[in-house]
Amino acid sequence: MGMRNLQRRVAVQDEEHFWPSFTDVMSSMVLILFFFIVILSVKQIMSAKTWDTQITEINADLSLARSELESINKELASKKVEMTDLEKTLSERESRILNLQSQLDQDRAELTRKENELTTVKAQLQAISLLRLDLLEKVKKSIEKELGSTSSGSEPLVTIDNNANLVINNSLLFAKGSSEISESGKKMLRQFALAFEKILSDSSVRESIDTVIVSGYADSDDTWQNNYALSCERAIAVIKTMMEENPSLEKNYGRYFQAAGFSEFRPLVKEINEAAKAKNRRIQFSIHIKDSQIQQIIDDYMNTQP
């Protein structure tokens, strides 16, 4: 009995000693927890303030970003309008360029047509211009066929100068200072008369010929008045002889011939000796083409123009 009571007493003492210790431990833990909670709360409060500051800064940044974005959007909208205007302008200019290119192509085609027309007109005018040379070439060949190309002194019977004139040296027709044609000259002029009659018998040739001019030229040995009279008399004598040697030429085509005298005023060479003077004494045949033929070509061309 005594032992059991002792044990109970010890157990009661141990139990009474345990609970105060447990309570102290729990109180310490609660206190620690409280401090921990306080620390966390303070930390959260500090963090919240920090976050508020950061959020405020972020909101400010966002506001600034929104402002910049709005500015950028406005600028972008303005650029889009400018781009639209530029595209419109570009389109208009491209259209204008196409129109100009089309007009240029039309102008080139028109220019080509004009050039072709002018080439044709030029060829026609050139043909008219060369007609008198061709006719005189035929006369020259006809004379040379019948009489040869040179005289007994190896002098050419006839020549064609740079101005498409057929030239006969006076010595083949006249004595010095005379307008009377020699017998050999009459023979030569008979061939001239036949050649010109053959040429003028072609109606297409007559349409272009205005005048066959026979011109006389003298040297400077006498006065210009006497030389003038002599050069005219010689030109008239050539025409008169041609008509006498071939009456049908006078009858059918006498209206085409004209005489002219130039005295000493149109020398071929400077007269420094007798040979030069002999060269300046000459008879010259030239064919004048009707101005109406040339004018008709021009008129035909102008009438085709819009």
Protein backbone atom coordinates (compact mmCIF):
# COMPACT_ATOMS: atom_id res chain seq x y z
CA MET A 1 0.00 0.00 0.00
CA GLY A 2 2.74 2.30 0.83
CA MET A 3 4.62 1.58 -2.41
CA ARG A 4 1.60 2.18 -4.55
CA ASN A 5 0.91 5.50 -2.91
CA LEU A 6 4.47 6.50 -3.47
CA GLN A 7 4.22 5.67 -7.14
CA ARG A 8 1.00 7.61 -7.47
CA ARG A 9 2.63 10.58 -5.86
CA VAL A 10 5.57 10.46 -8.18
CA ALA A 11 3.27 10.19 -11.22
CA VAL A 12 1.21 13.13 -10.02
CA GLN A 13 4.35 15.19 -9.58
CA ASP A 14 5.64 14.26 -12.98
CA GLU A 15 2.32 15.17 -14.54
CA GLU A 16 2.22 18.47 -12.73
CA HIS A 17 5.76 19.19 -13.90
CA PHE A 18 5.08 18.31 -17.63
CA TRP A 19 2.14 20.63 -18.36
CA PRO A 20 3.85 23.86 -17.39
CA SER A 21 6.79 22.99 -19.65
CA PHE A 22 4.46 22.17 -22.53
CA THR A 23 2.61 25.40 -22.04
CA ASP A 24 5.84 27.34 -22.12
CA VAL A 25 6.88 25.61 -25.30
CA MET A 26 3.55 26.30 -26.92
CA SER A 27 3.63 29.90 -25.78
CA SER A 28 7.08 30.28 -27.24
CA MET A 29 5.97 28.75 -30.48
CA VAL A 30 2.91 30.96 -30.62
CA LEU A 31 5.07 33.95 -29.90
CA ILE A 32 7.51 32.91 -32.58
CA LEU A 33 4.66 32.32 -34.95
CA PHE A 34 3.24 35.68 -34.06
CA PHE A 35 6.56 37.38 -34.73
CA PHE A 36 6.86 35.42 -37.95
CA ILE A 37 3.39 36.50 -38.93
CA VAL A 38 4.23 40.07 -38.00
CA ILE A 39 7.42 39.88 -40.02
CA LEU A 40 5.52 38.40 -42.96
CA SER A 41 2.88 41.07 -42.62
CA VAL A 42 5.48 43.80 -42.54
CA LYS A 43 7.24 42.22 -45.43
CA GLN A 44 3.98 41.97 -47.33
CA ILE A 45 3.20 45.55 -46.46
CA MET A 46 6.64 46.60 -47.70
CA SER A 47 6.26 44.40 -50.76
CA ALA A 48 2.83 45.86 -51.41
CA LYS A 49 4.23 49.36 -51.28
CA THR A 50 7.04 48.32 -53.57
CA TRP A 51 4.54 46.73 -55.92
CA ASP A 52 2.37 49.82 -55.73
CA THR A 53 5.33 51.93 -56.68
CA GLN A 54 6.27 49.56 -59.47
CA ILE A 55 2.67 49.34 -60.64
CA THR A 56 2.47 53.13 -60.62
CA GLU A 57 5.68 53.30 -62.63
CA ILE A 58 4.44 50.57 -64.93
CA ASN A 59 1.12 52.37 -65.35
CA ALA A 60 3.03 55.57 -66.11
CA ASP A 61 5.16 53.66 -68.61
CA LEU A 62 2.04 52.10 -70.09
CA SER A 63 0.41 55.52 -70.31
CA LEU A 64 3.50 56.90 -72.01
CA ALA A 65 3.60 53.84 -74.27
CA ARG A 66 -0.07 54.33 -75.11
CA SER A 67 0.61 57.97 -75.91
CA GLU A 68 3.55 57.03 -78.09
CA LEU A 69 1.48 54.28 -79.71
CA GLU A 70 -1.30 56.74 -80.44
CA SER A 71 1.25 59.14 -81.90
CA ILE A 72 2.72 56.31 -83.95
CA ASN A 73 -0.76 55.25 -85.09
CA LYS A 74 -1.55 58.82 -86.10
CA GLU A 75 1.75 59.08 -87.94
CA LEU A 76 1.10 55.68 -89.53
CA ALA A 77 -2.36 56.82 -90.59
CA SER A 78 -0.81 60.00 -92.04
CA LYS A 79 1.81 57.89 -93.83
CA LYS A 80 -0.93 55.63 -95.17
CA VAL A 81 -2.74 58.69 -96.53
CA GLU A 82 0.52 59.94 -98.03
CA MET A 83 1.15 56.47 -99.44
CA THR A 84 -2.32 56.41 -100.95
CA ASP A 85 -1.73 59.84 -102.45
CA LEU A 86 1.66 58.74 -103.75
CA GLU A 87 0.18 55.58 -105.24
CA LYS A 88 -2.52 57.69 -106.88
CA THR A 89 0.07 60.13 -108.18
CA LEU A 90 2.25 57.24 -109.37
CA SER A 91 -0.71 55.66 -111.10
CA GLU A 92 -1.56 58.96 -112.77
CA ARG A 93 2.04 59.43 -113.88
CA GLU A 94 2.23 55.87 -115.19
CA SER A 95 -0.95 56.51 -117.10
CA ARG A 96 0.48 59.76 -118.43
CA ILE A 97 3.72 58.01 -119.40
CA LEU A 98 1.73 55.36 -121.25
CA ASN A 99 -0.22 58.08 -123.03
CA LEU A 100 2.99 59.92 -123.89
CA GLN A 101 4.56 56.67 -125.09
CA SER A 102 1.52 56.00 -127.24
CA GLN A 103 1.67 59.55 -128.60
CA LEU A 104 5.40 59.16 -129.21
CA ASP A 105 4.79 55.94 -131.13
CA GLN A 106 2.14 57.70 -133.19
CA ASP A 107 4.47 60.64 -133.82
CA ARG A 108 7.25 58.28 -134.85
CA ALA A 109 4.93 56.49 -137.23
CA GLU A 110 3.79 59.84 -138.62
CA LEU A 111 7.39 61.00 -138.92
CA THR A 112 8.29 57.82 -140.77
CA ARG A 113 5.36 58.38 -143.12
CA LYS A 114 6.42 62.00 -143.68
CA GLU A 115 10.00 60.92 -144.32
CA ASN A 116 8.80 58.36 -146.85
CA GLU A 117 6.64 60.98 -148.55
CA LEU A 118 9.48 63.50 -148.58
CA THR A 119 11.81 60.85 -149.97
CA THR A 120 9.34 60.27 -152.77
CA VAL A 121 9.02 64.01 -153.44
CA LYS A 122 12.80 64.39 -153.31
CA ALA A 123 13.18 61.58 -155.82
CA GLN A 124 10.62 63.24 -158.10
CA LEU A 125 12.34 66.61 -157.85
CA GLN A 126 15.71 64.98 -158.40
CA ALA A 127 14.34 63.21 -161.46
CA ILE A 128 13.12 66.58 -162.81
CA SER A 129 16.49 68.13 -162.02
CA LEU A 130 18.35 65.31 -163.79
CA LEU A 131 16.02 65.39 -166.77
CA ARG A 132 17.86 68.23 -168.52
CA LEU A 133 21.20 66.52 -167.97
CA ASP A 134 19.81 63.29 -169.37
CA LEU A 135 18.42 65.10 -172.42
CA LEU A 136 21.70 66.84 -173.14
CA GLU A 137 23.54 63.54 -172.70
CA LYS A 138 21.29 62.10 -175.41
CA VAL A 139 22.05 65.06 -177.71
CA LYS A 140 25.78 64.65 -177.04
CA LYS A 141 25.69 60.91 -177.80
CA SER A 142 23.68 61.54 -180.95
CA ILE A 143 26.26 64.08 -182.19
CA GLU A 144 29.18 61.80 -181.34
CA LYS A 145 27.47 58.84 -183.03
CA GLU A 146 27.20 60.74 -186.30
CA LEU A 147 30.29 62.97 -186.22
CA GLY A 148 32.62 61.35 -183.68
CA SER A 149 33.70 62.70 -180.32
CA THR A 150 36.56 65.00 -181.43
CA SER A 151 37.34 67.43 -184.23
CA SER A 152 40.27 67.16 -186.63
CA GLY A 153 42.38 69.02 -184.09
CA SER A 154 41.54 66.45 -181.37
CA GLU A 155 39.28 68.98 -179.69
CA PRO A 156 36.02 67.57 -178.23
CA LEU A 157 33.06 68.41 -180.41
CA VAL A 158 30.76 68.89 -177.45
CA THR A 159 31.16 68.77 -173.67
CA ILE A 160 28.80 68.99 -170.71
CA ASP A 161 29.93 71.34 -167.95
CA ASN A 162 29.29 71.13 -164.20
CA ASN A 163 26.04 73.07 -164.53
CA ALA A 164 24.57 70.55 -167.00
CA ASN A 165 25.08 72.79 -170.03
CA LEU A 166 26.16 71.41 -173.42
CA VAL A 167 29.09 73.47 -174.70
CA ILE A 168 30.47 73.87 -178.27
CA ASN A 169 33.74 75.67 -178.81
CA ASN A 170 33.22 78.64 -181.20
CA SER A 171 36.10 77.56 -183.40
CA LEU A 172 34.02 74.59 -184.57
CA LEU A 173 31.27 76.94 -185.79
CA PHE A 174 32.67 80.42 -186.42
CA ALA A 175 35.79 82.23 -187.51
CA LYS A 176 37.17 84.72 -184.97
CA GLY A 177 35.04 87.87 -184.85
CA SER A 178 32.42 86.39 -187.18
CA SER A 179 28.82 85.22 -186.71
CA GLU A 180 28.73 83.25 -189.98
CA ILE A 181 28.59 79.51 -189.45
CA SER A 182 31.12 77.36 -191.32
CA GLU A 183 30.14 74.41 -193.50
CA SER A 184 31.43 71.93 -190.95
CA GLY A 185 29.46 73.85 -188.34
CA LYS A 186 26.27 73.54 -190.40
CA LYS A 187 26.84 69.79 -190.59
CA MET A 188 27.19 69.63 -186.83
CA LEU A 189 24.09 71.78 -186.22
CA ARG A 190 22.09 69.53 -188.56
CA GLN A 191 22.75 66.70 -186.12
CA PHE A 192 21.79 68.98 -183.24
CA ALA A 193 18.52 69.76 -184.99
CA LEU A 194 17.75 66.07 -185.53
CA ALA A 195 18.64 65.19 -181.94
CA PHE A 196 16.46 67.94 -180.45
CA GLU A 197 13.58 67.04 -182.75
CA LYS A 198 13.73 63.44 -181.54
CA ILE A 199 13.80 64.54 -177.91
CA LEU A 200 10.95 67.04 -178.28
CA SER A 201 8.78 64.54 -180.15
CA ASP A 202 8.26 62.76 -176.81
CA SER A 203 5.16 64.37 -175.29
CA SER A 204 6.16 63.35 -171.76
CA VAL A 205 9.46 65.20 -172.20
CA ARG A 206 7.77 68.28 -173.65
CA GLU A 207 5.57 68.48 -170.56
CA SER A 208 8.66 69.19 -168.47
CA ILE A 209 10.64 71.43 -170.84
CA ASP A 210 10.12 75.18 -170.74
CA THR A 211 12.91 76.44 -173.00
CA VAL A 212 15.99 75.31 -174.88
CA ILE A 213 18.31 78.31 -174.53
CA VAL A 214 21.18 78.81 -176.97
CA SER A 215 23.69 81.26 -175.46
CA GLY A 216 26.64 82.97 -177.15
CA TYR A 217 29.83 84.01 -175.32
CA ALA A 218 32.71 86.16 -176.59
CA ASP A 219 36.25 86.94 -175.45
CA SER A 220 37.45 90.37 -174.28
CA ASP A 221 39.37 91.42 -177.40
CA ASP A 222 36.77 94.02 -178.48
CA THR A 223 34.49 96.41 -176.62
CA TRP A 224 31.80 94.87 -174.49
CA GLN A 225 29.13 96.45 -176.72
CA ASN A 226 30.53 94.81 -179.86
CA ASN A 227 31.08 91.56 -178.00
CA TYR A 228 27.49 91.70 -176.78
CA ALA A 229 26.18 92.11 -180.30
CA LEU A 230 28.51 89.36 -181.58
CA SER A 231 27.50 86.86 -178.87
CA CYS A 232 23.80 87.49 -179.56
CA GLU A 233 24.29 87.23 -183.35
CA ARG A 234 26.08 83.91 -182.95
CA ALA A 235 23.33 82.46 -180.74
CA ILE A 236 20.69 83.57 -183.26
CA ALA A 237 22.75 82.14 -186.14
CA VAL A 238 22.90 78.73 -184.39
CA ILE A 239 19.12 78.58 -183.96
CA LYS A 240 18.52 79.88 -187.51
CA THR A 241 20.86 77.26 -188.97
CA MET A 242 19.27 74.42 -187.00
CA MET A 243 15.81 75.41 -188.25
CA GLU A 244 17.09 75.68 -191.85
CA GLU A 245 18.84 72.31 -191.67
CA ASN A 246 15.72 70.67 -190.25
CA PRO A 247 12.54 72.63 -191.13
CA SER A 248 10.30 70.23 -189.14
CA LEU A 249 12.10 71.33 -185.97
CA GLU A 250 11.10 74.95 -186.64
CA LYS A 251 7.58 73.97 -187.66
CA ASN A 252 6.80 71.71 -184.70
CA TYR A 253 9.07 72.85 -181.90
CA GLY A 254 10.46 76.29 -182.81
CA ARG A 255 8.58 77.82 -179.84
CA TYR A 256 10.91 76.04 -177.41
CA PHE A 257 14.12 77.76 -178.60
CA GLN A 258 15.48 81.04 -177.30
CA ALA A 259 18.69 82.95 -178.08
CA ALA A 260 20.79 84.83 -175.52
CA GLY A 261 24.12 86.67 -175.56
CA PHE A 262 26.50 87.28 -172.62
CA SER A 263 29.31 89.17 -174.28
CA GLU A 264 32.61 88.69 -172.37
CA PHE A 265 31.06 88.72 -168.90
CA ARG A 266 30.95 85.02 -168.07
CA PRO A 267 34.37 83.59 -168.96
CA LEU A 268 35.17 79.98 -168.19
CA VAL A 269 38.83 80.76 -167.49
CA LYS A 270 40.96 83.81 -166.86
CA GLU A 271 42.17 85.19 -170.19
CA ILE A 272 45.95 85.10 -169.98
CA ASN A 273 46.61 83.85 -173.52
CA GLU A 274 44.93 83.05 -176.82
CA ALA A 275 44.13 79.49 -175.76
CA ALA A 276 42.17 80.80 -172.78
CA LYS A 277 40.34 83.33 -174.97
CA ALA A 278 39.44 80.57 -177.44
CA LYS A 279 37.96 78.53 -174.61
CA ASN A 280 35.81 81.45 -173.49
CA ARG A 281 34.40 81.89 -177.02
CA ARG A 282 31.66 79.30 -177.04
CA ILE A 283 28.06 78.36 -177.77
CA GLN A 284 26.13 76.82 -174.91
CA PHE A 285 22.89 74.81 -174.93
CA SER A 286 20.89 74.61 -171.72
CA ILE A 287 17.45 73.16 -171.03
CA HIS A 288 15.18 74.94 -168.58
CA ILE A 289 12.59 72.80 -166.85
CA LYS A 290 9.13 74.25 -166.30
CA ASP A 291 8.63 75.67 -162.85
CA SER A 292 5.07 74.37 -163.06
CA GLN A 293 6.37 70.79 -163.09
CA ILE A 294 8.23 71.35 -159.86
CA GLN A 295 5.33 73.29 -158.40
CA GLN A 296 2.93 70.52 -159.37
CA ILE A 297 5.00 67.96 -157.45
CA ILE A 298 5.00 70.26 -154.42
CA ASP A 299 1.24 70.92 -154.76
CA ASP A 300 0.48 67.21 -155.06
CA TYR A 301 2.43 66.60 -151.89
CA MET A 302 0.79 69.46 -149.99
CA ASN A 303 -2.68 68.33 -151.05
CA THR A 304 -2.10 64.97 -149.38
CA GLN A 305 -1.32 66.62 -146.04
CA PRO A 306 -4.03 66.85 -143.37
